[in-house]
Amino acid sequence: QVQLVESGGGLVQPGGSLRLSCVASRSIFGLYTMGWHRQAPGKQRELVAGVNSGGGTNYADSVKGRFTISRDNAKNTVYLQMNSLKPEDTAVYLCNAKGFASEYWGQGTQVTVSS
């Protein structure tokens, strides 16, 4: 079993930045693909960014050039640096760990982009 705990969400003005953190309860990055997903009211959950066990990353087109996913293996932590935030980035952001036979989710952290 793996627990994922997100933090770093909040209210930010358009154009601002936030950094989200997701701490895993044990070392899993060598076996799991880590991802940040988001879900806005009335919309489907979508993958925002992911980093695989080899360090390869992928991003949704809507966030390319603005968001960066990274991880610190020593701290069992994956980050999502979000710059140039837009109102349409408002959502609950959830951390995900996906392995060969198991998948885990965090509880989510709210990001609100508004003036």
N, C-alpha and C. Protein backbone atom coordinates (compact mmCIF):
# COMPACT_ATOMS: atom_id res chain seq x y z
N GLN A 1 0.85 -1.20 0.00
CA GLN A 1 0.00 0.00 0.00
C GLN A 1 0.88 1.24 0.00
N VAL A 2 0.43 2.25 -0.71
CA VAL A 2 1.17 3.51 -0.80
C VAL A 2 0.22 4.66 -0.50
N GLN A 3 0.62 5.54 0.36
CA GLN A 3 -0.14 6.76 0.60
C GLN A 3 0.55 7.92 -0.12
N LEU A 4 -0.28 8.74 -0.75
CA LEU A 4 0.20 9.93 -1.45
C LEU A 4 -0.44 11.15 -0.81
N VAL A 5 0.36 12.12 -0.44
CA VAL A 5 -0.15 13.32 0.21
C VAL A 5 0.29 14.54 -0.57
N GLU A 6 -0.71 15.28 -1.10
CA GLU A 6 -0.42 16.48 -1.87
C GLU A 6 -0.46 17.71 -0.98
N SER A 7 0.24 18.73 -1.41
CA SER A 7 0.20 20.03 -0.74
C SER A 7 0.61 21.10 -1.75
N GLY A 8 0.38 22.35 -1.38
CA GLY A 8 0.84 23.46 -2.21
C GLY A 8 -0.23 24.20 -2.98
N GLY A 9 -1.46 23.71 -2.93
CA GLY A 9 -2.52 24.39 -3.63
C GLY A 9 -2.90 25.70 -2.95
N GLY A 10 -3.76 26.46 -3.61
CA GLY A 10 -4.21 27.71 -3.03
C GLY A 10 -4.84 28.61 -4.06
N LEU A 11 -5.02 29.86 -3.68
CA LEU A 11 -5.60 30.88 -4.55
C LEU A 11 -4.46 31.74 -5.11
N VAL A 12 -4.46 31.91 -6.41
CA VAL A 12 -3.41 32.69 -7.06
C VAL A 12 -4.04 33.52 -8.17
N GLN A 13 -3.46 34.66 -8.44
CA GLN A 13 -3.97 35.52 -9.51
C GLN A 13 -3.50 35.00 -10.87
N PRO A 14 -4.24 35.31 -11.91
CA PRO A 14 -3.80 34.92 -13.26
C PRO A 14 -2.38 35.44 -13.53
N GLY A 15 -1.56 34.58 -14.13
CA GLY A 15 -0.17 34.91 -14.37
C GLY A 15 0.77 34.50 -13.26
N GLY A 16 0.20 34.09 -12.14
CA GLY A 16 1.00 33.70 -11.00
C GLY A 16 1.52 32.28 -11.09
N SER A 17 2.20 31.87 -10.02
CA SER A 17 2.83 30.55 -9.97
C SER A 17 2.49 29.83 -8.67
N LEU A 18 2.50 28.53 -8.74
CA LEU A 18 2.37 27.66 -7.58
C LEU A 18 3.24 26.44 -7.81
N ARG A 19 3.69 25.85 -6.71
CA ARG A 19 4.37 24.56 -6.80
C ARG A 19 3.66 23.55 -5.92
N LEU A 20 3.18 22.50 -6.53
CA LEU A 20 2.54 21.42 -5.82
C LEU A 20 3.56 20.35 -5.47
N SER A 21 3.34 19.71 -4.33
CA SER A 21 4.19 18.62 -3.89
C SER A 21 3.35 17.39 -3.60
N CYS A 22 3.90 16.23 -3.86
CA CYS A 22 3.24 14.96 -3.55
C CYS A 22 4.28 14.05 -2.91
N VAL A 23 4.04 13.72 -1.65
CA VAL A 23 4.97 12.86 -0.92
C VAL A 23 4.40 11.46 -0.85
N ALA A 24 5.21 10.49 -1.26
CA ALA A 24 4.81 9.09 -1.18
C ALA A 24 5.30 8.49 0.13
N SER A 25 4.53 7.53 0.66
CA SER A 25 4.84 6.96 1.97
C SER A 25 6.04 6.02 1.93
N ARG A 26 6.45 5.62 0.72
CA ARG A 26 7.66 4.80 0.61
C ARG A 26 8.26 5.02 -0.77
N SER A 27 9.44 4.50 -0.97
CA SER A 27 10.17 4.69 -2.21
C SER A 27 9.52 3.87 -3.33
N ILE A 28 8.99 4.55 -4.34
CA ILE A 28 8.29 3.84 -5.39
C ILE A 28 8.66 4.31 -6.79
N PHE A 29 9.45 5.37 -6.88
CA PHE A 29 9.64 6.00 -8.18
C PHE A 29 10.34 5.07 -9.19
N GLY A 30 11.08 4.10 -8.69
CA GLY A 30 11.75 3.19 -9.61
C GLY A 30 10.81 2.19 -10.26
N LEU A 31 9.60 2.08 -9.74
CA LEU A 31 8.65 1.08 -10.23
C LEU A 31 7.36 1.69 -10.76
N TYR A 32 7.10 2.95 -10.38
CA TYR A 32 5.82 3.54 -10.71
C TYR A 32 6.00 4.76 -11.62
N THR A 33 5.03 4.94 -12.48
CA THR A 33 4.90 6.21 -13.19
C THR A 33 4.09 7.15 -12.32
N MET A 34 4.63 8.33 -12.09
CA MET A 34 3.96 9.33 -11.26
C MET A 34 3.30 10.36 -12.16
N GLY A 35 2.13 10.78 -11.75
CA GLY A 35 1.42 11.75 -12.56
C GLY A 35 0.64 12.75 -11.74
N TRP A 36 0.42 13.89 -12.33
CA TRP A 36 -0.50 14.88 -11.77
C TRP A 36 -1.70 14.95 -12.71
N HIS A 37 -2.87 14.79 -12.13
CA HIS A 37 -4.12 14.90 -12.84
C HIS A 37 -4.90 16.06 -12.24
N ARG A 38 -5.91 16.52 -12.97
CA ARG A 38 -6.76 17.55 -12.40
C ARG A 38 -8.21 17.30 -12.80
N GLN A 39 -9.08 17.78 -11.92
CA GLN A 39 -10.51 17.65 -12.20
C GLN A 39 -11.21 18.93 -11.82
N ALA A 40 -11.83 19.54 -12.80
CA ALA A 40 -12.61 20.76 -12.57
C ALA A 40 -14.08 20.37 -12.49
N PRO A 41 -14.88 21.19 -11.83
CA PRO A 41 -16.32 20.88 -11.70
C PRO A 41 -16.97 20.68 -13.07
N GLY A 42 -17.69 19.58 -13.21
CA GLY A 42 -18.40 19.31 -14.45
C GLY A 42 -17.53 18.82 -15.58
N LYS A 43 -16.26 18.59 -15.33
CA LYS A 43 -15.36 18.13 -16.38
C LYS A 43 -14.73 16.80 -16.00
N GLN A 44 -14.27 16.08 -17.02
CA GLN A 44 -13.60 14.82 -16.77
C GLN A 44 -12.21 15.06 -16.20
N ARG A 45 -11.76 14.08 -15.42
CA ARG A 45 -10.40 14.14 -14.91
C ARG A 45 -9.44 14.01 -16.08
N GLU A 46 -8.38 14.81 -16.06
CA GLU A 46 -7.41 14.77 -17.14
C GLU A 46 -5.99 14.71 -16.60
N LEU A 47 -5.14 14.04 -17.36
CA LEU A 47 -3.72 13.98 -17.03
C LEU A 47 -3.08 15.31 -17.40
N VAL A 48 -2.38 15.90 -16.45
CA VAL A 48 -1.69 17.16 -16.67
C VAL A 48 -0.23 16.91 -17.04
N ALA A 49 0.43 16.06 -16.26
CA ALA A 49 1.85 15.79 -16.49
C ALA A 49 2.21 14.46 -15.84
N GLY A 50 3.19 13.78 -16.41
CA GLY A 50 3.63 12.52 -15.86
C GLY A 50 5.14 12.37 -15.98
N VAL A 51 5.70 11.57 -15.09
CA VAL A 51 7.12 11.21 -15.17
C VAL A 51 7.24 9.72 -14.90
N ASN A 52 7.91 9.02 -15.81
CA ASN A 52 7.99 7.57 -15.66
C ASN A 52 9.23 7.18 -14.85
N SER A 53 9.39 5.89 -14.63
CA SER A 53 10.48 5.41 -13.79
C SER A 53 11.85 5.74 -14.36
N GLY A 54 11.92 5.94 -15.68
CA GLY A 54 13.18 6.30 -16.31
C GLY A 54 13.45 7.79 -16.34
N GLY A 55 12.49 8.57 -15.86
CA GLY A 55 12.65 10.02 -15.84
C GLY A 55 12.03 10.73 -17.02
N GLY A 56 11.47 10.00 -17.96
CA GLY A 56 10.82 10.63 -19.09
C GLY A 56 9.54 11.33 -18.67
N THR A 57 9.26 12.47 -19.29
CA THR A 57 8.09 13.26 -18.90
C THR A 57 7.15 13.46 -20.09
N ASN A 58 5.89 13.72 -19.76
CA ASN A 58 4.92 14.07 -20.78
C ASN A 58 3.94 15.07 -20.19
N TYR A 59 3.36 15.89 -21.06
CA TYR A 59 2.48 16.97 -20.62
C TYR A 59 1.25 17.07 -21.51
N ALA A 60 0.17 17.52 -20.91
CA ALA A 60 -1.00 17.86 -21.70
C ALA A 60 -0.66 19.09 -22.54
N ASP A 61 -1.23 19.16 -23.74
CA ASP A 61 -0.94 20.29 -24.62
C ASP A 61 -1.26 21.63 -23.96
N SER A 62 -2.29 21.63 -23.13
CA SER A 62 -2.75 22.88 -22.53
C SER A 62 -1.77 23.46 -21.51
N VAL A 63 -0.81 22.65 -21.05
CA VAL A 63 0.12 23.14 -20.03
C VAL A 63 1.57 23.15 -20.49
N LYS A 64 1.83 22.65 -21.69
CA LYS A 64 3.20 22.62 -22.19
C LYS A 64 3.80 24.02 -22.20
N GLY A 65 5.03 24.11 -21.70
CA GLY A 65 5.71 25.39 -21.64
C GLY A 65 5.40 26.20 -20.40
N ARG A 66 4.39 25.77 -19.64
CA ARG A 66 4.01 26.49 -18.42
C ARG A 66 4.22 25.64 -17.16
N PHE A 67 4.00 24.36 -17.26
CA PHE A 67 4.11 23.46 -16.11
C PHE A 67 5.34 22.56 -16.27
N THR A 68 5.95 22.22 -15.14
CA THR A 68 7.09 21.30 -15.15
C THR A 68 6.94 20.29 -14.03
N ILE A 69 7.03 19.02 -14.38
CA ILE A 69 6.99 17.96 -13.38
C ILE A 69 8.41 17.52 -13.08
N SER A 70 8.68 17.25 -11.81
CA SER A 70 10.01 16.78 -11.42
C SER A 70 9.86 15.89 -10.20
N ARG A 71 10.93 15.22 -9.86
CA ARG A 71 10.85 14.35 -8.68
C ARG A 71 12.18 14.38 -7.95
N ASP A 72 12.09 14.14 -6.65
CA ASP A 72 13.25 14.03 -5.78
C ASP A 72 13.20 12.64 -5.17
N ASN A 73 14.01 11.73 -5.71
CA ASN A 73 13.95 10.34 -5.26
C ASN A 73 14.29 10.21 -3.78
N ALA A 74 15.22 11.01 -3.30
CA ALA A 74 15.64 10.91 -1.90
C ALA A 74 14.52 11.29 -0.94
N LYS A 75 13.63 12.16 -1.41
CA LYS A 75 12.52 12.63 -0.56
C LYS A 75 11.20 11.95 -0.90
N ASN A 76 11.22 11.02 -1.84
CA ASN A 76 9.99 10.35 -2.29
C ASN A 76 8.92 11.38 -2.66
N THR A 77 9.33 12.43 -3.31
CA THR A 77 8.45 13.54 -3.61
C THR A 77 8.46 13.88 -5.10
N VAL A 78 7.28 14.11 -5.63
CA VAL A 78 7.15 14.59 -7.00
C VAL A 78 6.52 15.97 -6.94
N TYR A 79 6.99 16.86 -7.79
CA TYR A 79 6.56 18.24 -7.79
C TYR A 79 5.87 18.60 -9.11
N LEU A 80 5.03 19.60 -9.04
CA LEU A 80 4.48 20.20 -10.25
C LEU A 80 4.64 21.71 -10.12
N GLN A 81 5.58 22.27 -10.86
CA GLN A 81 5.77 23.71 -10.90
C GLN A 81 4.83 24.27 -11.96
N MET A 82 3.97 25.18 -11.54
CA MET A 82 2.97 25.75 -12.43
C MET A 82 3.21 27.26 -12.55
N ASN A 83 3.52 27.69 -13.74
CA ASN A 83 3.76 29.11 -14.02
C ASN A 83 2.72 29.63 -15.01
N SER A 84 2.63 30.94 -15.08
CA SER A 84 1.68 31.59 -16.00
C SER A 84 0.29 30.99 -15.89
N LEU A 85 -0.16 30.87 -14.67
CA LEU A 85 -1.46 30.22 -14.43
C LEU A 85 -2.61 31.02 -15.03
N LYS A 86 -3.61 30.26 -15.49
CA LYS A 86 -4.78 30.83 -16.12
C LYS A 86 -6.03 30.42 -15.35
N PRO A 87 -7.11 31.17 -15.46
CA PRO A 87 -8.34 30.76 -14.77
C PRO A 87 -8.78 29.35 -15.14
N GLU A 88 -8.54 28.93 -16.35
CA GLU A 88 -8.94 27.58 -16.77
C GLU A 88 -8.08 26.48 -16.14
N ASP A 89 -7.03 26.84 -15.42
CA ASP A 89 -6.26 25.86 -14.66
C ASP A 89 -6.90 25.55 -13.31
N THR A 90 -7.94 26.25 -12.96
CA THR A 90 -8.63 26.01 -11.70
C THR A 90 -9.20 24.60 -11.66
N ALA A 91 -8.82 23.86 -10.62
CA ALA A 91 -9.25 22.46 -10.49
C ALA A 91 -8.70 21.89 -9.19
N VAL A 92 -9.16 20.70 -8.86
CA VAL A 92 -8.50 19.90 -7.84
C VAL A 92 -7.40 19.10 -8.53
N TYR A 93 -6.20 19.20 -8.01
CA TYR A 93 -5.05 18.51 -8.60
C TYR A 93 -4.74 17.29 -7.74
N LEU A 94 -4.65 16.15 -8.41
CA LEU A 94 -4.46 14.87 -7.72
C LEU A 94 -3.17 14.20 -8.19
N CYS A 95 -2.47 13.66 -7.22
CA CYS A 95 -1.25 12.91 -7.49
C CYS A 95 -1.62 11.44 -7.72
N ASN A 96 -0.93 10.82 -8.66
CA ASN A 96 -1.22 9.44 -9.02
C ASN A 96 0.07 8.65 -9.15
N ALA A 97 0.05 7.41 -8.67
CA ALA A 97 1.16 6.48 -8.84
C ALA A 97 0.61 5.24 -9.53
N LYS A 98 1.15 4.94 -10.69
CA LYS A 98 0.63 3.80 -11.46
C LYS A 98 1.75 2.81 -11.70
N GLY A 99 1.52 1.59 -11.20
CA GLY A 99 2.48 0.53 -11.39
C GLY A 99 1.94 -0.55 -12.29
N PHE A 100 2.64 -1.66 -12.38
CA PHE A 100 2.22 -2.74 -13.27
C PHE A 100 0.88 -3.32 -12.85
N ALA A 101 0.68 -3.47 -11.55
CA ALA A 101 -0.54 -4.13 -11.08
C ALA A 101 -1.28 -3.34 -10.01
N SER A 102 -0.89 -2.12 -9.79
CA SER A 102 -1.54 -1.32 -8.75
C SER A 102 -1.50 0.15 -9.12
N GLU A 103 -2.41 0.88 -8.50
CA GLU A 103 -2.52 2.31 -8.76
C GLU A 103 -3.02 2.99 -7.50
N TYR A 104 -2.45 4.15 -7.21
CA TYR A 104 -2.81 4.87 -6.01
C TYR A 104 -3.07 6.34 -6.34
N TRP A 105 -3.97 6.94 -5.52
CA TRP A 105 -4.32 8.35 -5.69
C TRP A 105 -4.17 9.08 -4.36
N GLY A 106 -3.79 10.33 -4.45
CA GLY A 106 -3.83 11.19 -3.29
C GLY A 106 -5.22 11.77 -3.13
N GLN A 107 -5.38 12.60 -2.10
CA GLN A 107 -6.70 13.15 -1.80
C GLN A 107 -6.98 14.42 -2.61
N GLY A 108 -5.95 15.01 -3.18
CA GLY A 108 -6.12 16.19 -4.01
C GLY A 108 -5.86 17.48 -3.27
N THR A 109 -5.49 18.49 -4.03
CA THR A 109 -5.29 19.83 -3.48
C THR A 109 -5.92 20.83 -4.46
N GLN A 110 -6.64 21.78 -3.90
CA GLN A 110 -7.39 22.73 -4.72
C GLN A 110 -6.49 23.85 -5.22
N VAL A 111 -6.57 24.12 -6.51
CA VAL A 111 -5.89 25.26 -7.12
C VAL A 111 -6.96 26.16 -7.72
N THR A 112 -6.97 27.41 -7.31
CA THR A 112 -7.93 28.37 -7.83
C THR A 112 -7.18 29.56 -8.40
N VAL A 113 -7.42 29.84 -9.66
CA VAL A 113 -6.78 30.96 -10.34
C VAL A 113 -7.84 32.02 -10.62
N SER A 114 -7.74 33.12 -9.91
CA SER A 114 -8.79 34.14 -10.00
C SER A 114 -8.23 35.48 -9.55
N SER A 115 -8.75 36.54 -10.15
CA SER A 115 -8.37 37.88 -9.71
C SER A 115 -9.38 38.41 -8.69
